[in-house]
Protein backbone atom coordinates (compact mmCIF):
# COMPACT_ATOMS: atom_id res chain seq x y z
CA MET A 1 16.34 23.49 -24.89
CA GLY A 2 16.64 21.37 -21.72
CA ALA A 3 16.49 17.63 -21.30
CA ARG A 4 12.99 16.25 -21.67
CA ILE A 5 12.94 14.13 -18.56
CA ASP A 6 9.20 13.84 -18.02
CA SER A 7 7.65 13.87 -21.46
CA PRO A 8 4.68 11.54 -21.81
CA ASN A 9 5.25 8.21 -23.46
CA GLN A 10 2.36 7.36 -25.75
CA ASN A 11 3.36 3.68 -25.81
CA ARG A 12 3.97 3.38 -22.11
CA LYS A 13 3.73 -0.21 -20.94
CA ALA A 14 2.35 -1.45 -17.67
CA PHE A 15 5.15 -1.66 -15.10
CA GLY A 16 7.12 0.60 -17.46
CA ARG A 17 9.60 3.25 -16.38
CA LEU A 18 8.09 6.23 -14.55
CA SER A 19 8.82 9.86 -15.28
CA LEU A 20 11.47 11.29 -12.97
CA PRO A 21 9.04 13.51 -10.94
CA GLU A 22 6.62 10.60 -10.46
CA ARG A 23 9.48 8.32 -9.54
CA THR A 24 10.60 10.84 -6.88
CA PHE A 25 7.06 11.00 -5.46
CA ILE A 26 6.84 7.20 -5.33
CA ALA A 27 10.23 6.96 -3.59
CA ASP A 28 9.12 9.46 -0.92
CA ALA A 29 5.85 7.57 -0.42
CA LEU A 30 7.70 4.28 -0.12
CA ARG A 31 10.00 5.66 2.54
CA THR A 32 7.01 6.84 4.57
CA GLU A 33 5.06 3.60 4.10
CA THR A 34 8.12 1.55 4.99
CA VAL A 35 8.62 3.36 8.29
CA GLY A 36 4.93 2.95 9.05
CA GLY A 37 5.14 -0.74 8.21
CA VAL A 38 8.05 -1.27 10.60
CA LEU A 39 6.10 0.48 13.38
CA LEU A 40 3.08 -1.67 12.53
CA LEU A 41 5.22 -4.79 12.81
CA VAL A 42 6.62 -3.67 16.18
CA ALA A 43 3.10 -2.96 17.49
CA ALA A 44 1.82 -6.36 16.33
CA VAL A 45 4.71 -8.18 18.01
CA ALA A 46 4.19 -6.15 21.20
CA ALA A 47 0.48 -7.07 21.19
CA LEU A 48 1.25 -10.77 20.80
CA ILE A 49 3.81 -10.67 23.61
CA TRP A 50 1.45 -8.70 25.87
CA ALA A 51 -1.42 -11.10 25.23
CA ASN A 52 0.66 -14.26 25.76
CA THR A 53 2.47 -13.50 29.02
CA PRO A 54 1.32 -13.35 32.64
CA LEU A 55 0.26 -9.76 31.83
CA SER A 56 -2.45 -10.99 29.45
CA ASP A 57 -5.19 -10.02 31.91
CA SER A 58 -4.02 -6.41 31.82
CA TYR A 59 -4.16 -6.47 28.00
CA GLU A 60 -7.79 -7.55 28.16
CA THR A 61 -8.55 -4.95 30.83
CA VAL A 62 -7.03 -2.08 28.85
CA SER A 63 -8.59 -3.17 25.55
CA LYS A 64 -12.08 -3.41 27.05
CA PHE A 65 -11.86 -0.23 29.14
CA HIS A 66 -14.68 2.14 28.13
CA ILE A 67 -14.28 5.87 27.73
CA GLY A 68 -16.27 8.58 25.97
CA PRO A 69 -19.53 10.53 26.26
CA ALA A 70 -22.39 8.04 26.52
CA ALA A 71 -24.94 10.79 25.83
CA LEU A 72 -23.50 11.11 22.31
CA GLY A 73 -23.47 7.36 21.76
CA LEU A 74 -19.67 7.30 22.02
CA ASP A 75 -19.03 5.31 25.21
CA LEU A 76 -16.59 2.98 23.48
CA SER A 77 -13.85 0.60 24.53
CA ILE A 78 -10.21 1.45 23.81
CA GLN A 79 -10.17 -1.27 21.18
CA HIS A 80 -13.30 0.18 19.63
CA TRP A 81 -11.84 3.69 19.59
CA ALA A 82 -8.76 2.33 17.81
CA ALA A 83 -10.82 0.52 15.16
CA ASP A 84 -13.47 3.20 14.53
CA GLY A 85 -11.66 6.38 15.54
CA LEU A 86 -7.97 6.07 14.78
CA LEU A 87 -8.50 4.07 11.61
CA ALA A 88 -10.63 6.93 10.28
CA ILE A 89 -7.32 8.84 10.04
CA PHE A 90 -5.80 5.95 8.08
CA PHE A 91 -8.77 5.93 5.68
CA PHE A 92 -8.60 9.72 5.37
CA VAL A 93 -5.06 9.37 4.03
CA ALA A 94 -6.24 6.49 1.81
CA GLY A 95 -8.92 8.80 0.41
CA ILE A 96 -6.33 11.45 -0.45
CA GLU A 97 -4.11 8.82 -2.10
CA LEU A 98 -7.04 7.58 -4.16
CA LYS A 99 -7.94 11.14 -5.20
CA ARG A 100 -4.34 11.81 -6.24
CA GLU A 101 -4.22 8.63 -8.31
CA LEU A 102 -7.48 9.61 -10.00
CA VAL A 103 -6.36 13.13 -10.95
CA ALA A 104 -2.57 12.89 -11.24
CA GLY A 105 -1.52 9.25 -11.05
CA ASP A 106 -1.87 6.12 -13.17
CA LEU A 107 -5.63 5.86 -12.56
CA ARG A 108 -6.30 9.07 -14.52
CA ASP A 109 -5.36 7.25 -17.73
CA PRO A 110 -7.74 4.38 -18.54
CA LYS A 111 -5.05 2.57 -20.53
CA ALA A 112 -2.60 2.67 -17.62
CA ALA A 113 -5.30 2.06 -14.99
CA ILE A 114 -6.82 -1.06 -16.45
CA LEU A 115 -4.03 -3.39 -15.34
CA PRO A 116 -3.91 -2.48 -11.61
CA VAL A 117 -7.72 -2.27 -11.50
CA VAL A 118 -8.18 -5.73 -13.04
CA ALA A 119 -5.36 -7.14 -10.89
CA ALA A 120 -6.88 -5.67 -7.71
CA LEU A 121 -10.39 -6.92 -8.57
CA CYS A 122 -9.13 -10.44 -9.24
CA GLY A 123 -6.91 -10.17 -6.16
CA MET A 124 -10.04 -9.65 -4.06
CA ALA A 125 -12.48 -11.94 -5.87
CA VAL A 126 -10.28 -15.04 -5.88
CA PRO A 127 -9.46 -14.96 -2.12
CA ALA A 128 -13.18 -14.53 -1.39
CA LEU A 129 -13.93 -17.49 -3.68
CA VAL A 130 -11.24 -19.59 -1.98
CA TYR A 131 -12.78 -18.79 1.41
CA VAL A 132 -16.30 -19.65 0.20
CA LEU A 133 -15.22 -22.96 -1.37
CA THR A 134 -13.29 -23.92 1.77
CA ASN A 135 -16.32 -23.27 3.97
CA VAL A 136 -18.76 -24.95 1.58
CA VAL A 137 -16.65 -28.11 1.75
CA GLY A 138 -16.01 -27.79 5.49
CA GLY A 139 -19.47 -26.63 6.48
CA GLY A 140 -18.25 -23.36 8.00
CA SER A 141 -19.66 -19.86 8.23
CA MET A 142 -19.73 -17.64 5.14
CA ASP A 143 -19.56 -14.48 7.27
CA GLY A 144 -15.80 -14.09 6.87
CA TRP A 145 -15.66 -14.15 3.07
CA ALA A 146 -14.29 -10.58 2.91
CA VAL A 147 -11.51 -11.06 5.48
CA PRO A 148 -8.78 -12.29 3.05
CA THR A 149 -9.60 -9.74 0.34
CA ALA A 150 -7.49 -6.82 1.65
CA THR A 151 -3.77 -6.10 1.20
CA ASP A 152 -1.76 -4.23 3.82
CA ILE A 153 0.61 -2.07 1.78
CA ALA A 154 2.54 -0.71 4.78
CA PHE A 155 3.32 -4.20 6.02
CA ALA A 156 4.22 -5.38 2.51
CA LEU A 157 6.66 -2.51 2.03
CA ALA A 158 8.13 -3.14 5.45
CA VAL A 159 8.96 -6.67 4.30
CA LEU A 160 10.69 -5.19 1.25
CA ALA A 161 12.69 -2.85 3.48
CA VAL A 162 13.82 -5.71 5.71
CA LEU A 163 14.82 -7.82 2.72
CA GLY A 164 16.67 -4.89 1.15
CA THR A 165 15.71 -5.87 -2.39
CA TRP A 166 16.52 -3.77 -5.46
CA LEU A 167 12.93 -3.69 -6.57
CA PRO A 168 12.45 -1.40 -9.61
CA SER A 169 10.56 1.79 -8.81
CA ALA A 170 7.96 1.15 -11.54
CA LEU A 171 7.05 -2.25 -10.09
CA ARG A 172 6.87 -0.78 -6.60
CA ALA A 173 4.64 1.95 -8.03
CA PHE A 174 2.38 -0.79 -9.39
CA LEU A 175 2.21 -2.30 -5.90
CA LEU A 176 1.21 1.07 -4.46
CA THR A 177 -1.41 1.67 -7.16
CA LEU A 178 -2.72 -1.85 -6.68
CA ALA A 179 -3.03 -1.21 -2.94
CA VAL A 180 -4.90 2.06 -3.51
CA VAL A 181 -7.46 0.27 -5.72
CA ASP A 182 -7.57 -2.55 -3.17
CA ASP A 183 -8.34 -0.01 -0.42
CA LEU A 184 -11.13 1.48 -2.54
CA PHE A 185 -12.89 -1.87 -2.94
CA ALA A 186 -12.29 -2.73 0.71
CA ILE A 187 -13.98 0.55 1.66
CA MET A 188 -16.91 -0.35 -0.59
CA ILE A 189 -17.17 -3.78 1.02
CA ILE A 190 -17.23 -2.23 4.50
CA ALA A 191 -19.81 0.37 3.47
CA VAL A 192 -22.14 -2.08 1.69
CA PHE A 193 -21.86 -5.32 3.66
CA PHE A 194 -21.02 -4.16 7.18
CA THR A 195 -23.53 -1.39 7.68
CA SER A 196 -25.92 -2.04 10.58
CA ASP A 197 -29.45 -0.69 10.96
CA LEU A 198 -29.38 2.86 9.64
CA ASN A 199 -30.18 5.89 11.75
CA PHE A 200 -31.33 8.20 8.98
CA ALA A 201 -31.27 11.33 11.17
CA ALA A 202 -27.59 10.79 12.05
CA LEU A 203 -26.78 9.81 8.46
CA GLY A 204 -28.49 12.95 7.17
CA GLY A 205 -26.49 15.04 9.63
CA ALA A 206 -23.25 13.39 8.49
CA VAL A 207 -24.10 14.07 4.83
CA ALA A 208 -24.94 17.70 5.66
CA GLY A 209 -21.62 18.01 7.46
CA LEU A 210 -19.80 16.62 4.42
CA VAL A 211 -21.56 19.15 2.20
CA VAL A 212 -20.40 21.98 4.50
CA PHE A 213 -16.89 20.51 4.44
CA TRP A 214 -16.94 20.47 0.64
CA LEU A 215 -18.26 24.04 0.36
CA LEU A 216 -15.59 25.35 2.71
CA LEU A 217 -12.91 23.66 0.62
CA ARG A 218 -14.32 25.07 -2.62
CA ARG A 219 -14.28 28.58 -1.15
CA ASP A 220 -10.64 28.07 -0.08
CA VAL A 221 -11.51 28.66 3.57
CA ARG A 222 -8.43 27.91 5.67
CA GLY A 223 -7.89 27.09 9.33
CA TRP A 224 -7.47 23.81 11.16
CA TYR A 225 -9.69 25.18 13.96
CA ILE A 226 -12.61 25.02 11.48
CA TYR A 227 -11.96 21.68 9.79
CA ILE A 228 -10.92 19.53 12.76
CA PRO A 229 -14.07 20.24 14.87
CA LEU A 230 -16.21 19.79 11.75
CA ALA A 231 -14.46 16.49 10.95
CA LEU A 232 -15.08 15.23 14.50
CA VAL A 233 -18.78 16.09 14.23
CA ILE A 234 -19.04 14.32 10.86
CA TRP A 235 -17.24 11.27 12.27
CA GLY A 236 -19.51 11.11 15.33
CA LEU A 237 -22.66 11.39 13.24
CA MET A 238 -21.41 8.77 10.78
CA TYR A 239 -20.65 6.38 13.65
CA ASN A 240 -24.14 6.80 15.10
CA SER A 241 -25.74 6.41 11.66
CA GLY A 242 -24.87 2.71 11.45
CA VAL A 243 -22.41 3.22 8.57
CA HIS A 244 -18.86 2.36 9.61
CA ALA A 245 -17.21 5.54 10.87
CA THR A 246 -14.09 5.12 8.73
CA ILE A 247 -16.22 5.96 5.68
CA ALA A 248 -16.31 9.55 6.94
CA GLY A 249 -12.52 9.71 6.71
CA VAL A 250 -12.52 8.39 3.14
CA ALA A 251 -15.22 10.85 2.06
CA MET A 252 -13.34 13.87 3.44
CA GLY A 253 -10.09 12.69 1.88
CA LEU A 254 -11.72 12.39 -1.55
CA MET A 255 -13.02 15.96 -1.31
CA LEU A 256 -9.57 17.53 -1.05
CA ARG A 257 -8.12 19.10 -4.19
CA CYS A 258 -5.08 17.17 -5.39
CA SER A 259 -4.33 19.17 -8.55
CA LYS A 260 -1.94 22.12 -8.44
CA ARG A 261 -2.93 25.59 -9.50
CA GLU A 262 -0.60 28.18 -10.99
CA GLY A 263 1.88 29.37 -8.40
CA GLU A 264 1.35 26.39 -6.08
CA GLU A 265 4.27 24.13 -5.26
CA HIS A 266 1.96 21.50 -3.77
CA SER A 267 -1.79 20.94 -3.95
CA PRO A 268 -3.84 21.23 -0.71
CA GLY A 269 -4.37 17.47 -0.74
CA GLU A 270 -0.63 16.75 -0.96
CA HIS A 271 0.10 19.32 1.75
CA ILE A 272 -2.48 17.89 4.16
CA GLU A 273 -1.42 14.32 3.38
CA HIS A 274 2.17 15.29 4.18
CA MET A 275 1.04 16.58 7.60
CA VAL A 276 -1.41 13.79 8.46
CA ARG A 277 0.47 10.74 7.12
CA PRO A 278 2.96 10.63 10.05
CA LEU A 279 -0.02 10.65 12.45
CA SER A 280 -1.62 7.80 10.50
CA ALA A 281 1.50 5.68 9.96
CA GLY A 282 3.21 6.48 13.24
CA LEU A 283 0.29 6.48 15.69
CA ALA A 284 -3.17 5.51 14.38
CA VAL A 285 -2.33 2.25 12.60
CA PRO A 286 0.23 0.96 15.17
CA LEU A 287 -2.23 1.61 18.03
CA PHE A 288 -4.94 -0.22 16.10
CA ALA A 289 -2.55 -3.15 15.66
CA LEU A 290 -1.62 -3.04 19.34
CA PHE A 291 -5.25 -3.46 20.44
CA SER A 292 -6.35 -5.80 17.63
CA ALA A 293 -3.47 -8.24 17.12
CA GLY A 294 -3.28 -9.44 20.72
CA VAL A 295 -4.58 -13.00 20.43
CA GLY A 296 -3.58 -16.05 22.40
CA VAL A 297 -1.03 -18.19 20.58
CA SER A 298 -0.52 -21.84 21.52
CA GLY A 299 0.02 -25.14 19.80
CA ASP A 300 -3.67 -25.96 19.98
CA ALA A 301 -4.65 -22.49 18.73
CA LEU A 302 -2.32 -22.75 15.73
CA ALA A 303 -3.62 -26.23 14.99
CA ASP A 304 -7.17 -24.90 15.04
CA VAL A 305 -6.22 -22.33 12.39
CA PHE A 306 -5.60 -25.17 9.92
CA THR A 307 -8.53 -27.36 10.95
CA GLN A 308 -11.50 -24.99 11.19
CA PRO A 309 -13.02 -24.06 7.81
CA GLU A 310 -13.38 -20.33 8.67
CA THR A 311 -9.75 -19.86 9.69
CA LEU A 312 -8.38 -22.19 7.01
CA GLY A 313 -10.36 -20.24 4.42
CA VAL A 314 -8.72 -17.00 5.59
CA VAL A 315 -5.21 -18.50 5.43
CA LEU A 316 -5.72 -20.06 2.01
CA GLY A 317 -7.39 -16.89 0.76
CA LEU A 318 -4.42 -14.76 1.71
CA VAL A 319 -1.65 -17.16 0.68
CA VAL A 320 -3.14 -18.90 -2.36
CA GLY A 321 -6.04 -16.68 -3.41
CA LYS A 322 -4.11 -13.41 -3.45
CA ALA A 323 -1.18 -14.84 -5.43
CA ILE A 324 -3.38 -16.54 -8.02
CA GLY A 325 -5.85 -13.65 -8.20
CA ILE A 326 -3.38 -10.81 -8.75
CA PHE A 327 -1.08 -12.84 -11.02
CA GLY A 328 -4.04 -14.18 -12.98
CA GLY A 329 -5.66 -10.74 -13.21
CA THR A 330 -2.43 -9.25 -14.51
CA TRP A 331 -2.11 -12.00 -17.11
CA LEU A 332 -5.72 -11.58 -18.21
CA ALA A 333 -5.26 -7.80 -18.54
CA THR A 334 -2.17 -8.22 -20.71
CA ARG A 335 -3.81 -11.02 -22.71
CA PHE A 336 -7.12 -9.38 -23.51
CA THR A 337 -6.40 -5.63 -23.34
CA ARG A 338 -3.74 -3.31 -24.71
CA ALA A 339 -1.81 -3.40 -21.43
CA SER A 340 1.58 -5.09 -21.58
CA LEU A 341 4.53 -5.71 -19.30
CA SER A 342 7.75 -3.79 -19.60
CA ASP A 343 10.49 -5.66 -21.44
CA GLU A 344 12.70 -5.19 -18.36
CA LEU A 345 10.41 -7.33 -16.20
CA SER A 346 9.33 -10.93 -16.28
CA TRP A 347 6.41 -12.91 -14.95
CA PRO A 348 8.35 -14.27 -11.94
CA ASP A 349 8.61 -10.64 -10.78
CA VAL A 350 4.83 -10.29 -10.99
CA PHE A 351 4.28 -13.54 -9.11
CA ALA A 352 6.62 -12.43 -6.32
CA ILE A 353 4.67 -9.19 -5.88
CA SER A 354 1.37 -11.08 -6.09
CA THR A 355 2.52 -13.34 -3.27
CA LEU A 356 3.67 -10.33 -1.25
CA ALA A 357 0.18 -8.82 -1.57
CA GLY A 358 -1.07 -11.76 0.51
CA ILE A 359 0.01 -9.82 3.57
CA GLY A 360 -3.40 -8.70 4.78
CA PHE A 361 -3.22 -7.09 8.18
CA THR A 362 -4.86 -3.78 9.09
CA VAL A 363 -8.03 -3.92 6.98
CA SER A 364 -8.28 -7.72 7.24
CA LEU A 365 -8.25 -7.49 11.04
CA LEU A 366 -10.89 -4.76 10.88
CA ILE A 367 -13.15 -6.79 8.57
CA GLY A 368 -12.63 -9.84 10.80
CA GLU A 369 -13.96 -7.87 13.77
CA LEU A 370 -16.95 -6.66 11.75
CA ALA A 371 -17.73 -10.06 10.23
CA PHE A 372 -17.95 -11.93 13.52
CA VAL A 373 -19.15 -9.17 15.83
CA GLY A 374 -20.56 -10.64 19.05
CA ASP A 375 -18.55 -13.86 18.70
CA GLU A 376 -15.30 -13.09 20.52
CA THR A 377 -13.95 -16.64 20.19
CA MET A 378 -14.35 -16.71 16.43
CA THR A 379 -13.05 -13.13 16.14
CA ASP A 380 -9.83 -14.08 17.94
CA GLU A 381 -9.46 -17.24 15.84
CA VAL A 382 -9.91 -15.26 12.61
CA LYS A 383 -7.34 -12.71 13.81
CA ALA A 384 -4.91 -15.57 14.43
CA ALA A 385 -5.64 -16.80 10.90
CA VAL A 386 -4.94 -13.33 9.46
CA LEU A 387 -1.61 -13.19 11.30
CA THR A 388 -0.71 -16.73 10.24
CA GLY A 389 -1.65 -16.20 6.60
CA SER A 390 0.20 -12.89 6.45
CA LEU A 391 3.31 -14.48 7.97
CA ILE A 392 3.26 -17.36 5.47
CA ALA A 393 2.75 -14.96 2.56
CA ALA A 394 5.63 -12.78 3.78
CA PHE A 395 7.91 -15.83 4.11
CA LEU A 396 7.11 -17.15 0.62
CA ALA A 397 7.40 -13.69 -0.93
CA GLY A 398 10.75 -13.23 0.82
CA ILE A 399 12.11 -16.37 -0.82
CA LEU A 400 10.84 -15.33 -4.25
CA LEU A 401 12.17 -11.79 -3.93
CA LYS A 402 15.58 -13.01 -2.84
CA LEU A 403 15.71 -15.24 -5.91
CA ARG A 404 14.96 -12.20 -8.07
CA ASN A 405 17.37 -9.92 -6.21
CA ALA A 406 20.10 -10.05 -8.85
CA LYS A 407 17.58 -9.07 -11.50
CA TYR A 408 16.31 -6.14 -9.43
CA ARG A 409 19.81 -4.92 -8.66
CA LYS A 410 20.75 -4.85 -12.32
CA LEU A 411 17.63 -2.82 -13.16
CA GLU A 412 18.28 -0.40 -10.30
CA GLU A 413 21.86 0.20 -11.43
CA GLU A 414 20.57 0.90 -14.94
CA GLU A 415 18.09 3.46 -13.60
CA GLU A 416 20.77 5.23 -11.52
CA ARG A 417 23.55 5.37 -14.16
CA ASP A 418 24.65 8.96 -14.87
CA GLU A 419 27.65 8.69 -17.19
CA ASP A 420 27.46 12.30 -18.37
CA LEU A 421 27.42 13.56 -14.73
CA SER A 422 24.43 15.81 -15.42
CA GLY A 423 22.71 14.96 -12.16
CA ILE A 424 19.89 13.25 -14.08
CA PRO A 425 19.97 9.46 -14.66
CA ASP A 426 20.85 8.70 -18.29
CA ILE A 427 17.73 6.60 -18.80
CA TYR A 428 15.60 9.75 -18.48
CA GLU A 429 17.63 11.68 -21.07
CA GLN A 430 17.39 9.33 -24.04
CA ASP A 431 15.24 11.87 -25.94
CA SER A 432 17.57 14.79 -25.26
CA PRO A 433 20.00 15.82 -28.05
CA GLU A 434 22.15 17.62 -25.45
CA TYR A 435 22.64 14.33 -23.59
CA HIS A 436 23.87 12.55 -26.72
CA LEU A 437 26.21 15.45 -27.56
CA ARG A 438 27.70 15.28 -24.04
CA MET A 439 28.14 11.52 -24.34
CA ALA A 440 29.75 11.92 -27.78
CA GLU A 441 32.22 14.41 -26.31
CA ILE A 442 33.03 12.03 -23.45
CA TYR A 443 33.63 9.11 -25.83
CA GLU A 444 35.70 11.28 -28.21
CA LYS A 445 37.99 12.18 -25.30
CA LYS A 446 38.31 8.51 -24.39
CA ALA A 447 39.03 7.59 -28.02
CA ALA A 448 41.72 10.27 -28.24
CA GLU A 449 43.31 8.94 -25.06
CA HIS A 450 43.37 5.41 -26.47
CA ARG A 451 45.01 6.67 -29.69
CA ARG A 452 47.72 8.42 -27.68
CA ASN A 453 48.35 5.25 -25.71
CA ALA A 454 48.60 3.27 -28.95
CA GLU A 455 51.30 5.62 -30.28
CA LEU A 456 53.51 5.18 -27.19
CA PRO A 457 56.25 2.45 -27.02
CA THR A 458 54.72 -1.01 -26.90
CA GLY A 459 55.45 -1.56 -23.21
CA GLY A 460 57.35 -0.54 -20.19
CA SER A 461 59.32 -3.79 -20.18
CA GLU A 462 61.03 -2.92 -23.50
CA ARG A 463 61.95 0.52 -22.21
CA ASP A 464 63.45 -1.08 -19.11
CA ASP A 465 65.66 -3.40 -21.28
CA SER A 466 67.07 -0.60 -23.43
CA PRO A 467 70.69 0.64 -22.70
CA ALA A 468 70.93 3.37 -20.11
């Protein structure tokens, strides 16, 4: 009988230790997201440099350059292609992640799902409320209420990579699950509140295309040469329907099967995600950042961020609203439901992660463009507010995480300890009789060695003083 390393824990706590296979999956996902976050950061910095040097005119020229078939309603600017086209790939991957969480992750279990769901909901509602209150007091526009509601998980994990913290895998898994739920509600916000006048013919065509896509998947039809052209048609129809085109990516991602059948090493959803994620993290999202984050930065512009109600609402929403919302939602879930924190973690850990979730970049920039469409000045000012708020949240989270670094390192060492040299961390073998027998044998050998040492002469110094 082997070691039971992934048996379910009926009393599993929120933020508790993951099973070893799930922990491995999370670690792989973190590595991918971290690389994508670093590329995103590089692209954002490049955009800011490009837009604030003598080459700024060329940035504007490239961003506004139109390309595409006008007859199909797709004569779009480069910036528009990045926001509506490339981000559809990002949302496709988000759809697969959401589907996996629903069928194989924490969200499949209502008891485990309630905490990240409540935390994500509060982490979106409170920033929106902070924005609204700021603009009610300041007499600003309510159009940007949704801008500070989104969390950029890739950027957040990139900050963790730069800091080199020893964050426990279970807490990082919570951050990932929280971000997946956050993405779901952000998608719903885009679909419901940022849909223009509907073209029902195009929308009907998009829905018909999705039905064909679903039927082909159910019949296990294979071949990229079938799905990619079909996906492009669905995307084009969805764009022309008035519904934001990224919704097409989410819908197709949710249709993929993410459960394994007998004889399968990976589900189709996992396999396709593995192939598409590098395209999303390494190309689509960085290019979107390159053509969306390029805003003019000056002393006056930064001052305006903290004086205009719309931009101040975005900054306060990200920095204050996210931290209070996620932390408060987590506390409410543990206070009024059966969810509870792991004994290994403390509330300062939760607050640090809540602050880190204030990094809202990709989706916040997208919503900012949608909220103030037609008003380029306000759009640029809101983008500057998103960048400023994200930077402040990253700085504050960095301080908090550094303060908790010793705690994280101790937990990480505990998770990695393998005293019986079985190749499996000891913490995953606590229910295995074989593990305890191996440890007993190891300690018996050590005890025998100590007994032998006790029976030897009391010390080398006495032996040295004896006559030759």
